[in-house]
Amino acid sequence: MGLLKKYFNQTRKPEGVLGKLMISGMNGGHAKLADWGMAYLKDVEPLRIAELGCGGGRNASELFKRYPKARVTAVDYSALSVEKAAAYNAESIAKGRCEVLQGDVSALSLESGAYDLATAFETVYFWPGLAKCFAEVVRVLKPGGTFLISNESDGTDAASLKFEQIIDGMKCYTAEQLEAALKAAGFTEVTVYHHPSKPWLAVLAKK
């Protein structure tokens, strides 16, 4: 495996030196997408948030700013991401507003029916089976809770489809595929937003 391929494969589960570089890039590189997606949370005032696939922790921090009364549980499969996200949000952790956990989204160790909002920024590409993972998100959300997915790829853009060939286990989903999987998992209402000039998707699903 060439160095470039090894680097891009850190997107899925960052580890080691290349993983540290990838996480640093994630916090800055995904910020505009994350903020664009969060802008659709106009009618949501959550007190408990699950930030799934939290990466380097930047988006958890942004959620604190938007929702001053909220507590955030950030989860990531990568031990390195958990370490970095905890360091990034150390002040909020000390104040009791944040916890960062290592976990698998297909078998979350989170309390059922406890969260008002769950978020997933640039991460569902790597989830091990949407049906099982989305069912777990349904489980941890309160009745009427919201799930926000923000992706840079709409599953059809050529650039992202090339990355599918480079990054092991990556799958770019179309809006239709995401909507079908969300409804099959038990979400009752799904709304899809498309960026006017980029292949970005923001998907809001209601339990």
N, C-alpha and C. Protein backbone atom coordinates (compact mmCIF):
# COMPACT_ATOMS: atom_id res chain seq x y z
N MET A 1 0.85 -1.20 0.00
CA MET A 1 0.00 0.00 0.00
C MET A 1 0.88 1.24 0.00
N GLY A 2 0.69 2.14 -0.96
CA GLY A 2 1.48 3.36 -1.03
C GLY A 2 1.18 4.30 0.12
N LEU A 3 2.07 5.25 0.35
CA LEU A 3 1.92 6.17 1.48
C LEU A 3 0.64 6.98 1.38
N LEU A 4 0.32 7.45 0.16
CA LEU A 4 -0.90 8.25 0.00
C LEU A 4 -2.14 7.42 0.33
N LYS A 5 -2.19 6.19 -0.13
CA LYS A 5 -3.32 5.31 0.18
C LYS A 5 -3.40 5.04 1.68
N LYS A 6 -2.23 4.83 2.31
CA LYS A 6 -2.20 4.61 3.76
C LYS A 6 -2.77 5.83 4.50
N TYR A 7 -2.40 7.02 4.01
CA TYR A 7 -2.89 8.24 4.65
C TYR A 7 -4.40 8.35 4.53
N PHE A 8 -4.93 8.18 3.33
CA PHE A 8 -6.37 8.32 3.15
C PHE A 8 -7.15 7.23 3.89
N ASN A 9 -6.54 6.08 4.09
CA ASN A 9 -7.21 5.03 4.85
C ASN A 9 -7.31 5.36 6.34
N GLN A 10 -6.57 6.39 6.78
CA GLN A 10 -6.71 6.85 8.16
C GLN A 10 -8.06 7.54 8.39
N THR A 11 -8.77 7.86 7.32
CA THR A 11 -10.07 8.50 7.46
C THR A 11 -11.02 7.62 8.24
N ARG A 12 -10.92 6.33 8.03
CA ARG A 12 -11.85 5.39 8.66
C ARG A 12 -11.58 5.20 10.14
N LYS A 13 -10.34 4.92 10.49
CA LYS A 13 -9.97 4.69 11.89
C LYS A 13 -8.55 5.19 12.11
N PRO A 14 -8.38 6.48 12.45
CA PRO A 14 -7.04 7.06 12.58
C PRO A 14 -6.20 6.36 13.63
N GLU A 15 -4.97 6.07 13.25
CA GLU A 15 -4.01 5.44 14.15
C GLU A 15 -2.62 5.96 13.83
N GLY A 16 -1.75 6.01 14.84
CA GLY A 16 -0.34 6.35 14.63
C GLY A 16 -0.10 7.75 14.11
N VAL A 17 1.08 7.95 13.54
CA VAL A 17 1.50 9.27 13.07
C VAL A 17 0.59 9.78 11.96
N LEU A 18 0.29 8.92 10.98
CA LEU A 18 -0.58 9.34 9.89
C LEU A 18 -1.99 9.66 10.41
N GLY A 19 -2.42 8.92 11.39
CA GLY A 19 -3.73 9.18 11.99
C GLY A 19 -3.80 10.54 12.66
N LYS A 20 -2.72 10.92 13.32
CA LYS A 20 -2.67 12.24 13.96
C LYS A 20 -2.77 13.35 12.91
N LEU A 21 -2.08 13.16 11.80
CA LEU A 21 -2.17 14.14 10.73
C LEU A 21 -3.58 14.22 10.16
N MET A 22 -4.21 13.07 10.00
CA MET A 22 -5.56 13.03 9.47
C MET A 22 -6.54 13.73 10.39
N ILE A 23 -6.46 13.48 11.69
CA ILE A 23 -7.38 14.11 12.64
C ILE A 23 -7.22 15.62 12.64
N SER A 24 -5.97 16.09 12.58
CA SER A 24 -5.74 17.53 12.52
C SER A 24 -6.41 18.13 11.29
N GLY A 25 -6.33 17.42 10.18
CA GLY A 25 -6.97 17.89 8.96
C GLY A 25 -8.48 17.85 9.04
N MET A 26 -9.02 16.85 9.73
CA MET A 26 -10.47 16.72 9.85
C MET A 26 -11.09 17.92 10.55
N ASN A 27 -10.48 18.34 11.66
CA ASN A 27 -11.08 19.43 12.43
C ASN A 27 -11.25 20.69 11.60
N GLY A 28 -10.27 20.99 10.77
CA GLY A 28 -10.39 22.17 9.91
C GLY A 28 -11.12 21.90 8.62
N GLY A 29 -10.80 20.76 8.01
CA GLY A 29 -11.33 20.46 6.69
C GLY A 29 -12.83 20.21 6.63
N HIS A 30 -13.41 19.73 7.73
CA HIS A 30 -14.84 19.43 7.74
C HIS A 30 -15.69 20.52 8.41
N ALA A 31 -15.05 21.59 8.84
CA ALA A 31 -15.76 22.62 9.61
C ALA A 31 -16.89 23.28 8.81
N LYS A 32 -16.61 23.65 7.57
CA LYS A 32 -17.63 24.34 6.77
C LYS A 32 -18.83 23.43 6.51
N LEU A 33 -18.57 22.17 6.20
CA LEU A 33 -19.65 21.23 5.99
C LEU A 33 -20.48 21.07 7.26
N ALA A 34 -19.81 20.90 8.39
CA ALA A 34 -20.52 20.70 9.65
C ALA A 34 -21.39 21.89 10.00
N ASP A 35 -20.85 23.09 9.83
CA ASP A 35 -21.61 24.30 10.16
C ASP A 35 -22.80 24.46 9.21
N TRP A 36 -22.60 24.12 7.95
CA TRP A 36 -23.71 24.16 6.98
C TRP A 36 -24.81 23.20 7.40
N GLY A 37 -24.44 22.00 7.80
CA GLY A 37 -25.43 21.03 8.25
C GLY A 37 -26.15 21.48 9.51
N MET A 38 -25.41 22.01 10.47
CA MET A 38 -26.01 22.46 11.73
C MET A 38 -27.01 23.58 11.53
N ALA A 39 -26.83 24.35 10.47
CA ALA A 39 -27.75 25.46 10.20
C ALA A 39 -29.18 24.99 9.99
N TYR A 40 -29.37 23.71 9.67
CA TYR A 40 -30.72 23.18 9.47
C TYR A 40 -31.39 22.73 10.77
N LEU A 41 -30.68 22.86 11.87
CA LEU A 41 -31.24 22.50 13.18
C LEU A 41 -31.96 23.70 13.80
N LYS A 42 -32.78 24.36 13.02
CA LYS A 42 -33.40 25.61 13.46
C LYS A 42 -34.42 25.42 14.58
N ASP A 43 -35.14 24.31 14.55
CA ASP A 43 -36.22 24.10 15.51
C ASP A 43 -35.84 23.11 16.60
N VAL A 44 -34.54 22.90 16.79
CA VAL A 44 -34.07 21.92 17.75
C VAL A 44 -33.37 22.63 18.91
N GLU A 45 -33.77 22.31 20.12
CA GLU A 45 -33.13 22.88 21.31
C GLU A 45 -32.77 21.74 22.25
N PRO A 46 -31.75 20.98 21.92
CA PRO A 46 -31.42 19.77 22.67
C PRO A 46 -30.74 20.05 24.01
N LEU A 47 -30.99 19.17 24.95
CA LEU A 47 -30.28 19.21 26.23
C LEU A 47 -29.22 18.11 26.30
N ARG A 48 -29.43 17.03 25.56
CA ARG A 48 -28.44 15.95 25.48
C ARG A 48 -28.20 15.60 24.02
N ILE A 49 -26.92 15.57 23.65
CA ILE A 49 -26.53 15.35 22.25
C ILE A 49 -25.54 14.19 22.19
N ALA A 50 -25.74 13.31 21.22
CA ALA A 50 -24.76 12.25 20.92
C ALA A 50 -24.07 12.61 19.61
N GLU A 51 -22.77 12.88 19.67
CA GLU A 51 -21.99 13.23 18.47
C GLU A 51 -21.24 11.98 18.04
N LEU A 52 -21.74 11.32 17.00
CA LEU A 52 -21.26 9.99 16.63
C LEU A 52 -20.21 10.07 15.52
N GLY A 53 -19.08 9.42 15.75
CA GLY A 53 -17.95 9.56 14.83
C GLY A 53 -17.32 10.92 14.99
N CYS A 54 -16.94 11.25 16.23
CA CYS A 54 -16.60 12.63 16.59
C CYS A 54 -15.25 13.10 16.05
N GLY A 55 -14.40 12.19 15.55
CA GLY A 55 -13.11 12.61 15.01
C GLY A 55 -12.29 13.38 16.03
N GLY A 56 -11.76 14.53 15.62
CA GLY A 56 -10.91 15.32 16.49
C GLY A 56 -11.62 16.19 17.51
N GLY A 57 -12.96 16.20 17.49
CA GLY A 57 -13.71 16.87 18.55
C GLY A 57 -14.17 18.28 18.26
N ARG A 58 -13.84 18.82 17.09
CA ARG A 58 -14.21 20.19 16.78
C ARG A 58 -15.72 20.38 16.74
N ASN A 59 -16.44 19.44 16.16
CA ASN A 59 -17.88 19.62 16.01
C ASN A 59 -18.62 19.50 17.33
N ALA A 60 -18.10 18.69 18.23
CA ALA A 60 -18.67 18.65 19.58
C ALA A 60 -18.56 20.02 20.23
N SER A 61 -17.40 20.65 20.05
CA SER A 61 -17.19 21.99 20.61
C SER A 61 -18.16 23.00 20.01
N GLU A 62 -18.40 22.90 18.71
CA GLU A 62 -19.33 23.81 18.06
C GLU A 62 -20.75 23.61 18.56
N LEU A 63 -21.11 22.38 18.87
CA LEU A 63 -22.44 22.11 19.41
C LEU A 63 -22.63 22.76 20.78
N PHE A 64 -21.55 22.80 21.59
CA PHE A 64 -21.63 23.50 22.88
C PHE A 64 -21.95 24.97 22.68
N LYS A 65 -21.30 25.57 21.68
CA LYS A 65 -21.51 27.00 21.43
C LYS A 65 -22.94 27.28 21.00
N ARG A 66 -23.49 26.41 20.18
CA ARG A 66 -24.85 26.61 19.68
C ARG A 66 -25.91 26.33 20.74
N TYR A 67 -25.59 25.41 21.64
CA TYR A 67 -26.57 24.99 22.64
C TYR A 67 -25.93 25.08 24.03
N PRO A 68 -25.94 26.27 24.64
CA PRO A 68 -25.22 26.50 25.90
C PRO A 68 -25.70 25.64 27.06
N LYS A 69 -26.92 25.11 26.98
CA LYS A 69 -27.45 24.29 28.07
C LYS A 69 -27.24 22.78 27.84
N ALA A 70 -26.70 22.44 26.70
CA ALA A 70 -26.62 21.03 26.32
C ALA A 70 -25.38 20.34 26.89
N ARG A 71 -25.52 19.02 27.07
CA ARG A 71 -24.40 18.14 27.37
C ARG A 71 -24.18 17.24 26.16
N VAL A 72 -22.92 17.02 25.82
CA VAL A 72 -22.58 16.26 24.62
C VAL A 72 -21.81 15.01 24.99
N THR A 73 -22.26 13.89 24.45
CA THR A 73 -21.51 12.65 24.52
C THR A 73 -20.93 12.39 23.13
N ALA A 74 -19.62 12.45 23.02
CA ALA A 74 -18.93 12.25 21.74
C ALA A 74 -18.38 10.83 21.69
N VAL A 75 -18.61 10.16 20.57
CA VAL A 75 -18.22 8.75 20.44
C VAL A 75 -17.40 8.56 19.17
N ASP A 76 -16.34 7.77 19.27
CA ASP A 76 -15.58 7.42 18.06
C ASP A 76 -14.99 6.03 18.21
N TYR A 77 -14.85 5.35 17.08
CA TYR A 77 -14.31 4.00 17.00
C TYR A 77 -12.80 3.99 17.24
N SER A 78 -12.14 5.10 16.91
CA SER A 78 -10.69 5.20 17.00
C SER A 78 -10.24 5.70 18.38
N ALA A 79 -9.34 4.94 19.01
CA ALA A 79 -8.80 5.37 20.30
C ALA A 79 -8.05 6.69 20.18
N LEU A 80 -7.36 6.87 19.06
CA LEU A 80 -6.63 8.12 18.83
C LEU A 80 -7.59 9.30 18.71
N SER A 81 -8.71 9.10 18.01
CA SER A 81 -9.70 10.17 17.90
C SER A 81 -10.28 10.51 19.27
N VAL A 82 -10.54 9.51 20.08
CA VAL A 82 -11.06 9.75 21.43
C VAL A 82 -10.07 10.59 22.23
N GLU A 83 -8.80 10.24 22.13
CA GLU A 83 -7.75 10.99 22.83
C GLU A 83 -7.72 12.45 22.37
N LYS A 84 -7.75 12.66 21.06
CA LYS A 84 -7.67 14.01 20.52
C LYS A 84 -8.94 14.82 20.83
N ALA A 85 -10.10 14.18 20.71
CA ALA A 85 -11.35 14.88 20.98
C ALA A 85 -11.46 15.26 22.45
N ALA A 86 -10.96 14.40 23.33
CA ALA A 86 -10.96 14.71 24.76
C ALA A 86 -10.04 15.89 25.08
N ALA A 87 -8.89 15.92 24.42
CA ALA A 87 -7.96 17.04 24.64
C ALA A 87 -8.56 18.34 24.09
N TYR A 88 -9.21 18.26 22.94
CA TYR A 88 -9.81 19.44 22.31
C TYR A 88 -10.92 20.02 23.18
N ASN A 89 -11.63 19.16 23.89
CA ASN A 89 -12.77 19.59 24.69
C ASN A 89 -12.51 19.45 26.19
N ALA A 90 -11.25 19.55 26.58
CA ALA A 90 -10.87 19.33 27.98
C ALA A 90 -11.61 20.26 28.94
N GLU A 91 -11.77 21.51 28.54
CA GLU A 91 -12.44 22.47 29.42
C GLU A 91 -13.91 22.09 29.64
N SER A 92 -14.58 21.69 28.58
CA SER A 92 -15.98 21.30 28.71
C SER A 92 -16.14 20.00 29.49
N ILE A 93 -15.17 19.09 29.34
CA ILE A 93 -15.19 17.86 30.13
C ILE A 93 -15.06 18.19 31.61
N ALA A 94 -14.15 19.10 31.94
CA ALA A 94 -13.94 19.50 33.34
C ALA A 94 -15.19 20.14 33.94
N LYS A 95 -15.97 20.80 33.09
CA LYS A 95 -17.20 21.45 33.56
C LYS A 95 -18.40 20.49 33.58
N GLY A 96 -18.18 19.26 33.17
CA GLY A 96 -19.25 18.28 33.18
C GLY A 96 -20.20 18.38 32.01
N ARG A 97 -19.81 19.07 30.96
CA ARG A 97 -20.68 19.27 29.80
C ARG A 97 -20.37 18.30 28.67
N CYS A 98 -19.31 17.52 28.83
CA CYS A 98 -18.89 16.66 27.74
C CYS A 98 -18.26 15.38 28.28
N GLU A 99 -18.51 14.29 27.58
CA GLU A 99 -17.75 13.07 27.79
C GLU A 99 -17.39 12.52 26.42
N VAL A 100 -16.23 11.91 26.31
CA VAL A 100 -15.77 11.33 25.05
C VAL A 100 -15.53 9.85 25.27
N LEU A 101 -16.19 9.03 24.47
CA LEU A 101 -16.15 7.58 24.66
C LEU A 101 -15.67 6.88 23.39
N GLN A 102 -14.96 5.78 23.58
CA GLN A 102 -14.64 4.92 22.44
C GLN A 102 -15.78 3.92 22.29
N GLY A 103 -16.27 3.76 21.06
CA GLY A 103 -17.38 2.85 20.86
C GLY A 103 -17.67 2.60 19.40
N ASP A 104 -18.48 1.60 19.17
CA ASP A 104 -18.89 1.16 17.84
C ASP A 104 -20.35 1.57 17.66
N VAL A 105 -20.65 2.32 16.61
CA VAL A 105 -22.00 2.83 16.42
C VAL A 105 -23.00 1.72 16.14
N SER A 106 -22.53 0.54 15.79
CA SER A 106 -23.45 -0.58 15.57
C SER A 106 -23.84 -1.26 16.88
N ALA A 107 -23.19 -0.86 17.99
CA ALA A 107 -23.51 -1.42 19.31
C ALA A 107 -23.15 -0.38 20.36
N LEU A 108 -23.88 0.72 20.36
CA LEU A 108 -23.58 1.84 21.25
C LEU A 108 -23.81 1.48 22.72
N SER A 109 -22.92 1.95 23.56
CA SER A 109 -23.07 1.74 25.00
C SER A 109 -23.76 2.94 25.64
N LEU A 110 -24.71 3.51 24.92
CA LEU A 110 -25.43 4.70 25.40
C LEU A 110 -26.83 4.31 25.86
N GLU A 111 -27.33 5.08 26.80
CA GLU A 111 -28.65 4.83 27.37
C GLU A 111 -29.75 4.97 26.32
N SER A 112 -30.70 4.07 26.37
CA SER A 112 -31.83 4.12 25.42
C SER A 112 -32.75 5.30 25.74
N GLY A 113 -33.24 5.96 24.70
CA GLY A 113 -34.21 7.04 24.85
C GLY A 113 -33.73 8.22 25.65
N ALA A 114 -32.44 8.51 25.59
CA ALA A 114 -31.86 9.55 26.46
C ALA A 114 -31.47 10.83 25.74
N TYR A 115 -31.38 10.82 24.41
CA TYR A 115 -30.80 11.95 23.68
C TYR A 115 -31.84 12.66 22.81
N ASP A 116 -31.74 13.99 22.82
CA ASP A 116 -32.63 14.81 22.00
C ASP A 116 -32.13 14.92 20.57
N LEU A 117 -30.81 14.85 20.41
CA LEU A 117 -30.18 15.04 19.10
C LEU A 117 -28.99 14.11 18.95
N ALA A 118 -28.87 13.51 17.78
CA ALA A 118 -27.66 12.76 17.41
C ALA A 118 -27.12 13.37 16.12
N THR A 119 -25.81 13.44 16.00
CA THR A 119 -25.19 14.02 14.81
C THR A 119 -24.14 13.08 14.25
N ALA A 120 -23.95 13.15 12.93
CA ALA A 120 -22.95 12.33 12.25
C ALA A 120 -22.40 13.13 11.08
N PHE A 121 -21.19 13.67 11.25
CA PHE A 121 -20.58 14.52 10.23
C PHE A 121 -19.49 13.73 9.50
N GLU A 122 -19.64 13.54 8.20
CA GLU A 122 -18.62 12.89 7.37
C GLU A 122 -18.19 11.55 7.95
N THR A 123 -19.15 10.74 8.36
CA THR A 123 -18.77 9.49 9.02
C THR A 123 -19.58 8.27 8.60
N VAL A 124 -20.82 8.45 8.14
CA VAL A 124 -21.65 7.26 7.86
C VAL A 124 -21.09 6.43 6.71
N TYR A 125 -20.17 7.00 5.92
CA TYR A 125 -19.52 6.22 4.86
C TYR A 125 -18.85 4.96 5.40
N PHE A 126 -18.45 5.02 6.66
CA PHE A 126 -17.63 3.96 7.25
C PHE A 126 -18.40 3.11 8.27
N TRP A 127 -19.67 3.39 8.45
CA TRP A 127 -20.44 2.65 9.45
C TRP A 127 -20.68 1.22 8.97
N PRO A 128 -20.57 0.24 9.85
CA PRO A 128 -20.66 -1.17 9.45
C PRO A 128 -22.09 -1.65 9.27
N GLY A 129 -22.74 -1.17 8.23
CA GLY A 129 -24.12 -1.56 7.95
C GLY A 129 -25.10 -0.52 8.44
N LEU A 130 -25.72 0.20 7.52
CA LEU A 130 -26.61 1.30 7.91
C LEU A 130 -27.80 0.82 8.72
N ALA A 131 -28.38 -0.33 8.37
CA ALA A 131 -29.59 -0.79 9.05
C ALA A 131 -29.33 -0.94 10.55
N LYS A 132 -28.27 -1.63 10.91
CA LYS A 132 -27.96 -1.86 12.32
C LYS A 132 -27.56 -0.58 13.03
N CYS A 133 -26.75 0.24 12.36
CA CYS A 133 -26.27 1.47 12.98
C CYS A 133 -27.41 2.48 13.17
N PHE A 134 -28.24 2.65 12.15
CA PHE A 134 -29.36 3.59 12.28
C PHE A 134 -30.35 3.11 13.33
N ALA A 135 -30.52 1.80 13.46
CA ALA A 135 -31.41 1.27 14.50
C ALA A 135 -30.86 1.63 15.89
N GLU A 136 -29.54 1.64 16.04
CA GLU A 136 -28.93 2.05 17.31
C GLU A 136 -29.18 3.53 17.58
N VAL A 137 -29.11 4.35 16.54
CA VAL A 137 -29.39 5.78 16.72
C VAL A 137 -30.85 5.97 17.15
N VAL A 138 -31.76 5.26 16.51
CA VAL A 138 -33.17 5.32 16.92
C VAL A 138 -33.31 4.94 18.39
N ARG A 139 -32.61 3.91 18.80
CA ARG A 139 -32.72 3.42 20.18
C ARG A 139 -32.32 4.47 21.20
N VAL A 140 -31.23 5.20 20.95
CA VAL A 140 -30.72 6.13 21.96
C VAL A 140 -31.45 7.47 21.95
N LEU A 141 -32.19 7.77 20.88
CA LEU A 141 -32.93 9.03 20.82
C LEU A 141 -34.24 8.95 21.61
N LYS A 142 -34.63 10.10 22.15
CA LYS A 142 -35.94 10.23 22.77
C LYS A 142 -37.03 10.21 21.69
N PRO A 143 -38.26 9.89 22.03
CA PRO A 143 -39.36 10.06 21.07
C PRO A 143 -39.39 11.51 20.57
N GLY A 144 -39.44 11.70 19.26
CA GLY A 144 -39.39 13.03 18.69
C GLY A 144 -37.99 13.57 18.51
N GLY A 145 -36.98 12.78 18.87
CA GLY A 145 -35.59 13.21 18.73
C GLY A 145 -35.17 13.33 17.28
N THR A 146 -34.07 14.04 17.06
CA THR A 146 -33.59 14.37 15.72
C THR A 146 -32.21 13.77 15.47
N PHE A 147 -32.01 13.28 14.26
CA PHE A 147 -30.71 12.77 13.81
C PHE A 147 -30.28 13.58 12.60
N LEU A 148 -29.10 14.20 12.68
CA LEU A 148 -28.54 14.98 11.57
C LEU A 148 -27.35 14.25 10.98
N ILE A 149 -27.42 14.02 9.68
CA ILE A 149 -26.29 13.49 8.91
C ILE A 149 -25.81 14.58 7.97
N SER A 150 -24.51 14.85 7.96
CA SER A 150 -23.94 15.80 7.00
C SER A 150 -22.81 15.11 6.25
N ASN A 151 -22.94 15.04 4.93
CA ASN A 151 -21.94 14.38 4.08
C ASN A 151 -21.46 15.32 2.99
N GLU A 152 -20.18 15.26 2.68
CA GLU A 152 -19.65 16.02 1.55
C GLU A 152 -20.00 15.37 0.22
N SER A 153 -20.35 14.10 0.25
CA SER A 153 -20.68 13.37 -0.97
C SER A 153 -22.16 13.04 -1.02
N ASP A 154 -22.78 13.24 -2.19
CA ASP A 154 -24.17 12.83 -2.38
C ASP A 154 -24.28 11.45 -3.03
N GLY A 155 -23.15 10.74 -3.06
CA GLY A 155 -23.14 9.39 -3.59
C GLY A 155 -23.04 9.29 -5.09
N THR A 156 -22.96 10.44 -5.76
CA THR A 156 -22.87 10.43 -7.22
C THR A 156 -21.67 11.21 -7.76
N ASP A 157 -21.05 12.05 -6.93
CA ASP A 157 -19.96 12.90 -7.42
C ASP A 157 -18.71 12.06 -7.68
N ALA A 158 -18.06 12.34 -8.79
CA ALA A 158 -16.93 11.53 -9.26
C ALA A 158 -15.77 11.50 -8.28
N ALA A 159 -15.47 12.64 -7.65
CA ALA A 159 -14.33 12.71 -6.74
C ALA A 159 -14.48 11.75 -5.57
N SER A 160 -15.66 11.76 -4.95
CA SER A 160 -15.88 10.89 -3.80
C SER A 160 -15.91 9.42 -4.20
N LEU A 161 -16.47 9.14 -5.36
CA LEU A 161 -16.52 7.75 -5.82
C LEU A 161 -15.12 7.20 -6.07
N LYS A 162 -14.19 8.08 -6.44
CA LYS A 162 -12.80 7.65 -6.59
C LYS A 162 -12.22 7.24 -5.24
N PHE A 163 -12.61 7.97 -4.18
CA PHE A 163 -12.10 7.65 -2.85
C PHE A 163 -12.62 6.30 -2.37
N GLU A 164 -13.77 5.88 -2.86
CA GLU A 164 -14.27 4.55 -2.52
C GLU A 164 -13.27 3.47 -2.94
N GLN A 165 -12.55 3.73 -4.02
CA GLN A 165 -11.58 2.77 -4.53
C GLN A 165 -10.25 2.82 -3.76
N ILE A 166 -10.05 3.92 -3.03
CA ILE A 166 -8.79 4.12 -2.31
C ILE A 166 -8.92 3.72 -0.84
N ILE A 167 -10.06 4.07 -0.24
CA ILE A 167 -10.25 3.89 1.21
C ILE A 167 -11.02 2.59 1.46
N ASP A 168 -10.42 1.69 2.18
CA ASP A 168 -11.04 0.40 2.46
C ASP A 168 -12.33 0.58 3.27
N GLY A 169 -13.40 -0.06 2.83
CA GLY A 169 -14.65 -0.04 3.59
C GLY A 169 -15.48 1.21 3.43
N MET A 170 -15.11 2.10 2.54
CA MET A 170 -15.87 3.34 2.36
C MET A 170 -17.02 3.14 1.37
N LYS A 171 -18.18 3.68 1.70
CA LYS A 171 -19.33 3.63 0.82
C LYS A 171 -20.04 4.98 0.83
N CYS A 172 -20.12 5.62 -0.33
CA CYS A 172 -20.83 6.90 -0.47
C CYS A 172 -22.29 6.62 -0.81
N TYR A 173 -23.20 7.16 -0.02
CA TYR A 173 -24.62 6.87 -0.20
C TYR A 173 -25.34 8.04 -0.86
N THR A 174 -26.31 7.71 -1.68
CA THR A 174 -27.17 8.73 -2.27
C THR A 174 -28.22 9.15 -1.23
N ALA A 175 -28.87 10.27 -1.50
CA ALA A 175 -29.94 10.73 -0.62
C ALA A 175 -31.04 9.69 -0.51
N GLU A 176 -31.35 9.05 -1.62
CA GLU A 176 -32.41 8.04 -1.63
C GLU A 176 -32.04 6.83 -0.78
N GLN A 177 -30.79 6.43 -0.85
CA GLN A 177 -30.33 5.29 -0.05
C GLN A 177 -30.37 5.61 1.44
N LEU A 178 -29.94 6.81 1.80
CA LEU A 178 -29.97 7.21 3.21
C LEU A 178 -31.40 7.29 3.72
N GLU A 179 -32.28 7.90 2.94
CA GLU A 179 -33.67 8.03 3.36
C GLU A 179 -34.32 6.66 3.55
N ALA A 180 -34.09 5.76 2.63
CA ALA A 180 -34.67 4.42 2.74
C ALA A 180 -34.16 3.69 3.97
N ALA A 181 -32.86 3.79 4.24
CA ALA A 181 -32.28 3.12 5.40
C ALA A 181 -32.78 3.72 6.71
N LEU A 182 -32.94 5.03 6.74
CA LEU A 182 -33.44 5.70 7.95
C LEU A 182 -34.88 5.29 8.25
N LYS A 183 -35.71 5.27 7.24
CA LYS A 183 -37.11 4.89 7.45
C LYS A 183 -37.23 3.42 7.82
N ALA A 184 -36.39 2.58 7.22
CA ALA A 184 -36.41 1.16 7.56
C ALA A 184 -35.99 0.93 9.03
N ALA A 185 -35.13 1.82 9.53
CA ALA A 185 -34.65 1.70 10.92
C ALA A 185 -35.67 2.21 11.93
N GLY A 186 -36.68 2.94 11.47
CA GLY A 186 -37.72 3.39 12.38
C GLY A 186 -37.92 4.89 12.47
N PHE A 187 -37.15 5.66 11.69
CA PHE A 187 -37.39 7.11 11.67
C PHE A 187 -38.68 7.39 10.89
N THR A 188 -39.46 8.32 11.38
CA THR A 188 -40.79 8.55 10.80
C THR A 188 -40.82 9.66 9.77
N GLU A 189 -39.86 10.56 9.84
CA GLU A 189 -39.86 11.71 8.94
C GLU A 189 -38.42 12.02 8.54
N VAL A 190 -38.15 12.08 7.25
CA VAL A 190 -36.79 12.33 6.75
C VAL A 190 -36.83 13.48 5.75
N THR A 191 -35.97 14.48 5.97
CA THR A 191 -35.88 15.64 5.07
C THR A 191 -34.44 15.76 4.58
N VAL A 192 -34.28 15.90 3.28
CA VAL A 192 -32.95 15.97 2.68
C VAL A 192 -32.72 17.37 2.10
N TYR A 193 -31.56 17.94 2.40
CA TYR A 193 -31.17 19.24 1.87
C TYR A 193 -29.91 19.07 1.02
N HIS A 194 -29.91 19.68 -0.15
CA HIS A 194 -28.77 19.64 -1.06
C HIS A 194 -28.11 21.02 -1.10
N HIS A 195 -26.80 21.05 -1.04
CA HIS A 195 -26.08 22.31 -1.19
C HIS A 195 -26.28 22.83 -2.61
N PRO A 196 -26.47 24.13 -2.78
CA PRO A 196 -26.75 24.66 -4.12
C PRO A 196 -25.61 24.53 -5.12
N SER A 197 -24.37 24.40 -4.66
CA SER A 197 -23.26 24.37 -5.61
C SER A 197 -22.25 23.25 -5.36
N LYS A 198 -22.47 22.46 -4.33
CA LYS A 198 -21.55 21.37 -4.01
C LYS A 198 -22.35 20.08 -3.82
N PRO A 199 -21.70 18.92 -3.90
CA PRO A 199 -22.42 17.66 -3.73
C PRO A 199 -22.65 17.31 -2.25
N TRP A 200 -22.93 18.33 -1.45
CA TRP A 200 -23.13 18.11 -0.01
C TRP A 200 -24.57 17.75 0.28
N LEU A 201 -24.75 16.92 1.29
CA LEU A 201 -26.07 16.54 1.77
C LEU A 201 -26.19 16.83 3.26
N ALA A 202 -27.34 17.34 3.66
CA ALA A 202 -27.72 17.39 5.08
C ALA A 202 -29.06 16.65 5.17
N VAL A 203 -29.09 15.66 6.03
CA VAL A 203 -30.30 14.84 6.16
C VAL A 203 -30.78 14.94 7.60
N LEU A 204 -32.01 15.33 7.78
CA LEU A 204 -32.64 15.41 9.10
C LEU A 204 -33.67 14.31 9.20
N ALA A 205 -33.55 13.49 10.25
CA ALA A 205 -34.49 12.40 10.47
C ALA A 205 -35.10 12.54 11.86
N LYS A 206 -36.41 12.40 11.94
CA LYS A 206 -37.13 12.48 13.20
C LYS A 206 -37.55 11.10 13.67
N LYS A 207 -37.37 10.82 14.95
CA LYS A 207 -37.82 9.55 15.50
C LYS A 207 -39.33 9.60 15.73
